[in-house]
Amino acid sequence: MGPVTVRWVEGTMQLASDSNGTSIVIGWSPDPEHRWAGVKASDLLLISAAACAAHDVIEILRKKREPLIKLKVICSGEQQPDPPYTFTHIHLHYMAKGAVKPRSLERAIDLSENNYCSVISTLRPGVPITSDYEIVE
């Protein structure tokens, strides 16, 4: 994996680029004439966990030929109230659409969270991570 880059632009605005050069804006503008809002830096951690797990779950269900139509992962986190606002718990709620077998979805989530997702694997030793799911046909 190549490096990622974060470049300070102005105020609290930063521009981050992934290892492929794709960019996202982080922070917000203090200038009332040029209002913009980027992603909150701590939310990127939750986004990374959700995206990593979702990727794995989709691929596992695809290989099992499960009829997944859509997948949404809502990832929430609890943080300590004082700096450095350490995450104390992360929860992933998977919302699958399609006639997916519950056991197949459970197994895909388990494999992702315990075997494949590098983000969750990195976080798990220090942060409790829980999950649940629902299937909507």
N, C-alpha and C. Protein backbone atom coordinates (compact mmCIF):
# COMPACT_ATOMS: atom_id res chain seq x y z
N MET A 1 0.84 -1.16 0.00
CA MET A 1 0.00 0.00 0.00
C MET A 1 0.89 1.23 0.00
N GLY A 2 0.55 2.18 -0.86
CA GLY A 2 1.31 3.43 -0.92
C GLY A 2 0.91 4.37 0.19
N PRO A 3 1.64 5.45 0.33
CA PRO A 3 1.31 6.42 1.39
C PRO A 3 0.08 7.25 1.06
N VAL A 4 -0.51 7.79 2.11
CA VAL A 4 -1.59 8.77 1.97
C VAL A 4 -0.99 10.12 2.35
N THR A 5 -1.61 11.19 1.89
CA THR A 5 -1.08 12.53 2.13
C THR A 5 -2.17 13.42 2.68
N VAL A 6 -1.84 14.23 3.67
CA VAL A 6 -2.74 15.25 4.18
C VAL A 6 -2.00 16.58 4.08
N ARG A 7 -2.64 17.53 3.39
CA ARG A 7 -2.03 18.83 3.17
C ARG A 7 -2.92 19.91 3.77
N TRP A 8 -2.32 20.77 4.60
CA TRP A 8 -3.05 21.88 5.18
C TRP A 8 -3.26 22.93 4.11
N VAL A 9 -4.49 23.41 3.95
CA VAL A 9 -4.82 24.40 2.94
C VAL A 9 -4.92 25.77 3.58
N GLU A 10 -5.86 25.93 4.53
CA GLU A 10 -6.03 27.18 5.27
C GLU A 10 -6.97 26.94 6.43
N GLY A 11 -6.94 27.83 7.41
CA GLY A 11 -7.84 27.68 8.56
C GLY A 11 -7.76 26.27 9.10
N THR A 12 -8.88 25.57 9.12
CA THR A 12 -8.88 24.17 9.55
C THR A 12 -9.10 23.23 8.37
N MET A 13 -8.99 23.76 7.16
CA MET A 13 -9.19 22.94 5.96
C MET A 13 -7.91 22.18 5.61
N GLN A 14 -8.10 20.90 5.38
CA GLN A 14 -7.01 20.04 4.92
C GLN A 14 -7.51 19.27 3.70
N LEU A 15 -6.60 18.89 2.86
CA LEU A 15 -6.92 18.08 1.69
C LEU A 15 -6.15 16.77 1.84
N ALA A 16 -6.89 15.68 1.89
CA ALA A 16 -6.28 14.36 2.04
C ALA A 16 -6.37 13.61 0.72
N SER A 17 -5.31 12.90 0.38
CA SER A 17 -5.29 12.07 -0.83
C SER A 17 -4.91 10.65 -0.44
N ASP A 18 -5.65 9.69 -0.98
CA ASP A 18 -5.34 8.29 -0.68
C ASP A 18 -4.17 7.82 -1.54
N SER A 19 -3.83 6.55 -1.41
CA SER A 19 -2.67 6.00 -2.12
C SER A 19 -2.86 5.98 -3.64
N ASN A 20 -4.10 6.21 -4.10
CA ASN A 20 -4.36 6.30 -5.54
C ASN A 20 -4.49 7.73 -6.03
N GLY A 21 -4.38 8.70 -5.11
CA GLY A 21 -4.48 10.10 -5.48
C GLY A 21 -5.88 10.68 -5.40
N THR A 22 -6.86 9.90 -4.95
CA THR A 22 -8.22 10.40 -4.79
C THR A 22 -8.28 11.27 -3.54
N SER A 23 -8.90 12.46 -3.66
CA SER A 23 -8.86 13.43 -2.57
C SER A 23 -10.21 13.63 -1.89
N ILE A 24 -10.14 14.02 -0.62
CA ILE A 24 -11.31 14.44 0.14
C ILE A 24 -10.93 15.65 0.97
N VAL A 25 -11.92 16.47 1.28
CA VAL A 25 -11.71 17.65 2.10
C VAL A 25 -12.00 17.28 3.55
N ILE A 26 -11.13 17.74 4.45
CA ILE A 26 -11.30 17.51 5.88
C ILE A 26 -11.35 18.87 6.55
N GLY A 27 -12.28 19.05 7.47
CA GLY A 27 -12.37 20.29 8.23
C GLY A 27 -13.49 21.18 7.75
N TRP A 28 -13.46 22.45 8.15
CA TRP A 28 -14.50 23.40 7.77
C TRP A 28 -13.88 24.77 7.62
N SER A 29 -14.59 25.64 6.92
CA SER A 29 -14.10 26.98 6.64
C SER A 29 -14.51 27.96 7.73
N PRO A 30 -13.56 28.74 8.23
CA PRO A 30 -13.91 29.78 9.19
C PRO A 30 -14.39 31.06 8.49
N ASP A 31 -14.26 31.12 7.17
CA ASP A 31 -14.61 32.31 6.39
C ASP A 31 -16.09 32.27 6.03
N PRO A 32 -16.90 33.23 6.52
CA PRO A 32 -18.34 33.19 6.24
C PRO A 32 -18.67 33.41 4.76
N GLU A 33 -17.76 33.98 3.99
CA GLU A 33 -18.01 34.19 2.56
C GLU A 33 -17.77 32.93 1.74
N HIS A 34 -17.00 32.02 2.25
CA HIS A 34 -16.66 30.79 1.53
C HIS A 34 -16.98 29.58 2.40
N ARG A 35 -18.27 29.38 2.62
CA ARG A 35 -18.69 28.28 3.47
C ARG A 35 -18.50 26.93 2.76
N TRP A 36 -17.86 26.04 3.40
CA TRP A 36 -17.73 24.66 2.95
C TRP A 36 -17.55 23.81 4.18
N ALA A 37 -17.90 22.60 4.08
CA ALA A 37 -17.71 21.68 5.20
C ALA A 37 -17.13 20.39 4.65
N GLY A 38 -16.06 19.98 5.24
CA GLY A 38 -15.44 18.72 4.87
C GLY A 38 -15.78 17.66 5.91
N VAL A 39 -15.16 16.54 5.77
CA VAL A 39 -15.38 15.42 6.69
C VAL A 39 -14.65 15.71 8.00
N LYS A 40 -15.29 15.36 9.08
CA LYS A 40 -14.67 15.48 10.40
C LYS A 40 -13.61 14.39 10.52
N ALA A 41 -12.43 14.75 10.95
CA ALA A 41 -11.31 13.79 10.97
C ALA A 41 -11.63 12.52 11.76
N SER A 42 -12.26 12.65 12.92
CA SER A 42 -12.56 11.45 13.72
C SER A 42 -13.63 10.58 13.05
N ASP A 43 -14.50 11.20 12.23
CA ASP A 43 -15.49 10.41 11.48
C ASP A 43 -14.83 9.54 10.42
N LEU A 44 -13.65 9.94 9.95
CA LEU A 44 -12.94 9.13 8.96
C LEU A 44 -12.61 7.74 9.50
N LEU A 45 -12.36 7.67 10.81
CA LEU A 45 -12.09 6.38 11.43
C LEU A 45 -13.30 5.47 11.31
N LEU A 46 -14.48 6.02 11.62
CA LEU A 46 -15.71 5.23 11.53
C LEU A 46 -16.04 4.89 10.08
N ILE A 47 -15.83 5.85 9.18
CA ILE A 47 -16.06 5.60 7.75
C ILE A 47 -15.14 4.48 7.27
N SER A 48 -13.89 4.50 7.69
CA SER A 48 -12.94 3.47 7.27
C SER A 48 -13.36 2.09 7.76
N ALA A 49 -13.79 2.00 9.01
CA ALA A 49 -14.24 0.71 9.54
C ALA A 49 -15.45 0.20 8.78
N ALA A 50 -16.43 1.09 8.54
CA ALA A 50 -17.65 0.69 7.84
C ALA A 50 -17.36 0.29 6.39
N ALA A 51 -16.53 1.07 5.71
CA ALA A 51 -16.23 0.79 4.30
C ALA A 51 -15.44 -0.51 4.15
N CYS A 52 -14.50 -0.73 5.03
CA CYS A 52 -13.69 -1.95 4.98
C CYS A 52 -14.58 -3.18 5.20
N ALA A 53 -15.41 -3.13 6.23
CA ALA A 53 -16.30 -4.25 6.53
C ALA A 53 -17.31 -4.47 5.42
N ALA A 54 -17.90 -3.37 4.91
CA ALA A 54 -18.90 -3.49 3.84
C ALA A 54 -18.29 -4.14 2.61
N HIS A 55 -17.09 -3.73 2.24
CA HIS A 55 -16.42 -4.32 1.08
C HIS A 55 -16.32 -5.84 1.23
N ASP A 56 -15.84 -6.27 2.38
CA ASP A 56 -15.68 -7.71 2.62
C ASP A 56 -17.02 -8.44 2.57
N VAL A 57 -18.02 -7.90 3.26
CA VAL A 57 -19.33 -8.55 3.31
C VAL A 57 -19.92 -8.69 1.91
N ILE A 58 -19.83 -7.63 1.12
CA ILE A 58 -20.35 -7.67 -0.26
C ILE A 58 -19.64 -8.76 -1.06
N GLU A 59 -18.32 -8.80 -0.98
CA GLU A 59 -17.55 -9.79 -1.74
C GLU A 59 -17.86 -11.23 -1.29
N ILE A 60 -17.97 -11.43 0.01
CA ILE A 60 -18.27 -12.77 0.53
C ILE A 60 -19.65 -13.22 0.08
N LEU A 61 -20.65 -12.34 0.18
CA LEU A 61 -22.00 -12.70 -0.25
C LEU A 61 -22.07 -12.91 -1.75
N ARG A 62 -21.32 -12.14 -2.51
CA ARG A 62 -21.28 -12.31 -3.96
C ARG A 62 -20.72 -13.70 -4.30
N LYS A 63 -19.65 -14.10 -3.63
CA LYS A 63 -19.05 -15.42 -3.88
C LYS A 63 -19.99 -16.55 -3.49
N LYS A 64 -20.84 -16.31 -2.48
CA LYS A 64 -21.82 -17.31 -2.07
C LYS A 64 -23.07 -17.27 -2.94
N ARG A 65 -23.10 -16.36 -3.91
CA ARG A 65 -24.23 -16.16 -4.81
C ARG A 65 -25.52 -15.80 -4.06
N GLU A 66 -25.35 -15.03 -2.99
CA GLU A 66 -26.52 -14.55 -2.25
C GLU A 66 -27.10 -13.35 -3.00
N PRO A 67 -28.42 -13.23 -3.05
CA PRO A 67 -29.07 -12.16 -3.82
C PRO A 67 -29.11 -10.81 -3.09
N LEU A 68 -27.92 -10.29 -2.77
CA LEU A 68 -27.82 -8.98 -2.12
C LEU A 68 -28.10 -7.89 -3.15
N ILE A 69 -29.03 -7.00 -2.82
CA ILE A 69 -29.38 -5.89 -3.71
C ILE A 69 -28.68 -4.62 -3.26
N LYS A 70 -28.71 -4.37 -1.96
CA LYS A 70 -28.08 -3.18 -1.38
C LYS A 70 -27.52 -3.52 -0.02
N LEU A 71 -26.49 -2.78 0.39
CA LEU A 71 -25.96 -2.91 1.73
C LEU A 71 -25.62 -1.52 2.24
N LYS A 72 -26.10 -1.23 3.44
CA LYS A 72 -25.79 0.03 4.10
C LYS A 72 -25.22 -0.32 5.47
N VAL A 73 -24.13 0.33 5.85
CA VAL A 73 -23.55 0.09 7.17
C VAL A 73 -23.54 1.42 7.92
N ILE A 74 -24.20 1.44 9.06
CA ILE A 74 -24.20 2.62 9.91
C ILE A 74 -23.22 2.34 11.05
N CYS A 75 -22.18 3.12 11.10
CA CYS A 75 -21.14 2.91 12.10
C CYS A 75 -21.16 4.08 13.09
N SER A 76 -21.33 3.77 14.35
CA SER A 76 -21.35 4.80 15.38
C SER A 76 -20.24 4.54 16.39
N GLY A 77 -19.80 5.61 17.02
CA GLY A 77 -18.74 5.46 17.99
C GLY A 77 -18.99 6.32 19.21
N GLU A 78 -18.53 5.82 20.33
CA GLU A 78 -18.58 6.59 21.57
C GLU A 78 -17.15 7.02 21.87
N GLN A 79 -17.02 8.27 22.33
CA GLN A 79 -15.70 8.80 22.64
C GLN A 79 -15.66 9.35 24.05
N GLN A 80 -14.47 9.38 24.63
CA GLN A 80 -14.29 10.00 25.93
C GLN A 80 -14.64 11.48 25.80
N PRO A 81 -15.16 12.10 26.87
CA PRO A 81 -15.59 13.49 26.79
C PRO A 81 -14.46 14.52 26.75
N ASP A 82 -13.26 14.11 27.09
CA ASP A 82 -12.13 15.04 27.14
C ASP A 82 -11.03 14.64 26.17
N PRO A 83 -10.21 15.61 25.75
CA PRO A 83 -9.11 15.31 24.84
C PRO A 83 -8.24 14.19 25.39
N PRO A 84 -7.82 13.28 24.56
CA PRO A 84 -7.87 13.29 23.10
C PRO A 84 -9.12 12.64 22.51
N TYR A 85 -10.20 12.57 23.27
CA TYR A 85 -11.49 12.05 22.79
C TYR A 85 -11.37 10.64 22.23
N THR A 86 -10.66 9.80 22.94
CA THR A 86 -10.42 8.42 22.52
C THR A 86 -11.73 7.67 22.33
N PHE A 87 -11.81 6.88 21.26
CA PHE A 87 -12.99 6.04 21.06
C PHE A 87 -13.00 4.96 22.12
N THR A 88 -14.17 4.78 22.74
CA THR A 88 -14.33 3.76 23.78
C THR A 88 -15.21 2.60 23.33
N HIS A 89 -15.92 2.78 22.22
CA HIS A 89 -16.77 1.72 21.69
C HIS A 89 -17.16 2.09 20.25
N ILE A 90 -17.18 1.09 19.40
CA ILE A 90 -17.62 1.27 18.01
C ILE A 90 -18.66 0.20 17.72
N HIS A 91 -19.74 0.62 17.05
CA HIS A 91 -20.81 -0.32 16.69
C HIS A 91 -21.13 -0.19 15.21
N LEU A 92 -21.24 -1.33 14.53
CA LEU A 92 -21.61 -1.36 13.12
C LEU A 92 -22.98 -2.02 12.99
N HIS A 93 -23.89 -1.32 12.32
CA HIS A 93 -25.22 -1.86 12.06
C HIS A 93 -25.35 -2.07 10.55
N TYR A 94 -25.47 -3.33 10.13
CA TYR A 94 -25.55 -3.68 8.72
C TYR A 94 -27.01 -3.76 8.32
N MET A 95 -27.36 -3.12 7.21
CA MET A 95 -28.72 -3.16 6.68
C MET A 95 -28.63 -3.73 5.26
N ALA A 96 -29.03 -5.00 5.13
CA ALA A 96 -28.94 -5.68 3.84
C ALA A 96 -30.32 -5.73 3.19
N LYS A 97 -30.35 -5.49 1.90
CA LYS A 97 -31.60 -5.61 1.15
C LYS A 97 -31.46 -6.75 0.17
N GLY A 98 -32.47 -7.61 0.15
CA GLY A 98 -32.47 -8.77 -0.74
C GLY A 98 -32.86 -10.01 0.04
N ALA A 99 -33.06 -11.08 -0.67
CA ALA A 99 -33.45 -12.35 -0.04
C ALA A 99 -32.21 -13.11 0.43
N VAL A 100 -31.40 -12.44 1.22
CA VAL A 100 -30.16 -13.01 1.73
C VAL A 100 -30.48 -13.91 2.93
N LYS A 101 -29.86 -15.07 2.97
CA LYS A 101 -30.06 -15.97 4.11
C LYS A 101 -29.38 -15.35 5.34
N PRO A 102 -30.11 -15.27 6.47
CA PRO A 102 -29.51 -14.69 7.67
C PRO A 102 -28.18 -15.32 8.06
N ARG A 103 -28.11 -16.64 7.98
CA ARG A 103 -26.86 -17.33 8.36
C ARG A 103 -25.71 -16.91 7.44
N SER A 104 -25.98 -16.72 6.17
CA SER A 104 -24.93 -16.28 5.23
C SER A 104 -24.45 -14.88 5.57
N LEU A 105 -25.38 -14.00 5.91
CA LEU A 105 -24.99 -12.64 6.27
C LEU A 105 -24.20 -12.63 7.58
N GLU A 106 -24.66 -13.39 8.56
CA GLU A 106 -23.94 -13.49 9.83
C GLU A 106 -22.52 -13.98 9.62
N ARG A 107 -22.38 -14.99 8.79
CA ARG A 107 -21.04 -15.56 8.52
C ARG A 107 -20.17 -14.55 7.79
N ALA A 108 -20.73 -13.83 6.83
CA ALA A 108 -19.96 -12.82 6.09
C ALA A 108 -19.48 -11.71 7.02
N ILE A 109 -20.36 -11.27 7.92
CA ILE A 109 -19.99 -10.23 8.89
C ILE A 109 -18.89 -10.75 9.80
N ASP A 110 -19.05 -11.97 10.30
CA ASP A 110 -18.05 -12.56 11.18
C ASP A 110 -16.69 -12.67 10.48
N LEU A 111 -16.69 -13.15 9.25
CA LEU A 111 -15.42 -13.27 8.52
C LEU A 111 -14.78 -11.91 8.30
N SER A 112 -15.58 -10.94 7.93
CA SER A 112 -15.06 -9.61 7.71
C SER A 112 -14.44 -9.05 8.99
N GLU A 113 -15.23 -9.04 10.06
CA GLU A 113 -14.78 -8.41 11.30
C GLU A 113 -13.66 -9.15 12.01
N ASN A 114 -13.56 -10.46 11.82
CA ASN A 114 -12.56 -11.23 12.55
C ASN A 114 -11.41 -11.78 11.71
N ASN A 115 -11.54 -11.72 10.37
CA ASN A 115 -10.48 -12.29 9.55
C ASN A 115 -9.93 -11.37 8.46
N TYR A 116 -10.78 -10.53 7.88
CA TYR A 116 -10.37 -9.81 6.68
C TYR A 116 -10.19 -8.30 6.81
N CYS A 117 -11.03 -7.63 7.56
CA CYS A 117 -11.00 -6.17 7.60
C CYS A 117 -9.81 -5.66 8.40
N SER A 118 -8.85 -5.06 7.70
CA SER A 118 -7.63 -4.57 8.35
C SER A 118 -7.92 -3.43 9.32
N VAL A 119 -8.91 -2.61 9.02
CA VAL A 119 -9.23 -1.48 9.90
C VAL A 119 -9.76 -2.00 11.24
N ILE A 120 -10.72 -2.89 11.20
CA ILE A 120 -11.28 -3.44 12.45
C ILE A 120 -10.22 -4.23 13.19
N SER A 121 -9.41 -4.97 12.47
CA SER A 121 -8.33 -5.74 13.10
C SER A 121 -7.36 -4.83 13.85
N THR A 122 -7.11 -3.67 13.29
CA THR A 122 -6.20 -2.71 13.92
C THR A 122 -6.84 -2.08 15.16
N LEU A 123 -8.14 -1.79 15.08
CA LEU A 123 -8.83 -1.11 16.18
C LEU A 123 -9.18 -2.04 17.34
N ARG A 124 -9.52 -3.28 17.01
CA ARG A 124 -10.09 -4.20 18.01
C ARG A 124 -9.26 -4.38 19.28
N PRO A 125 -7.95 -4.43 19.23
CA PRO A 125 -7.22 -4.63 20.50
C PRO A 125 -7.47 -3.52 21.53
N GLY A 126 -7.78 -2.31 21.08
CA GLY A 126 -7.95 -1.21 22.01
C GLY A 126 -9.37 -0.70 22.15
N VAL A 127 -10.26 -1.07 21.23
CA VAL A 127 -11.62 -0.54 21.24
C VAL A 127 -12.62 -1.68 21.08
N PRO A 128 -13.55 -1.83 22.01
CA PRO A 128 -14.59 -2.85 21.81
C PRO A 128 -15.42 -2.53 20.57
N ILE A 129 -15.64 -3.54 19.74
CA ILE A 129 -16.41 -3.37 18.51
C ILE A 129 -17.54 -4.39 18.51
N THR A 130 -18.75 -3.88 18.31
CA THR A 130 -19.92 -4.75 18.26
C THR A 130 -20.64 -4.51 16.93
N SER A 131 -21.54 -5.43 16.61
CA SER A 131 -22.31 -5.27 15.38
C SER A 131 -23.63 -6.01 15.49
N ASP A 132 -24.54 -5.61 14.61
CA ASP A 132 -25.80 -6.32 14.44
C ASP A 132 -26.23 -6.08 13.00
N TYR A 133 -27.35 -6.71 12.63
CA TYR A 133 -27.79 -6.58 11.25
C TYR A 133 -29.30 -6.69 11.15
N GLU A 134 -29.79 -6.27 10.00
CA GLU A 134 -31.18 -6.48 9.66
C GLU A 134 -31.24 -6.75 8.17
N ILE A 135 -32.21 -7.56 7.77
CA ILE A 135 -32.41 -7.87 6.35
C ILE A 135 -33.78 -7.34 5.96
N VAL A 136 -33.80 -6.54 4.89
CA VAL A 136 -35.03 -5.98 4.37
C VAL A 136 -35.20 -6.53 2.96
N GLU A 137 -36.31 -7.19 2.70
CA GLU A 137 -36.50 -7.77 1.36
C GLU A 137 -37.22 -6.87 0.46
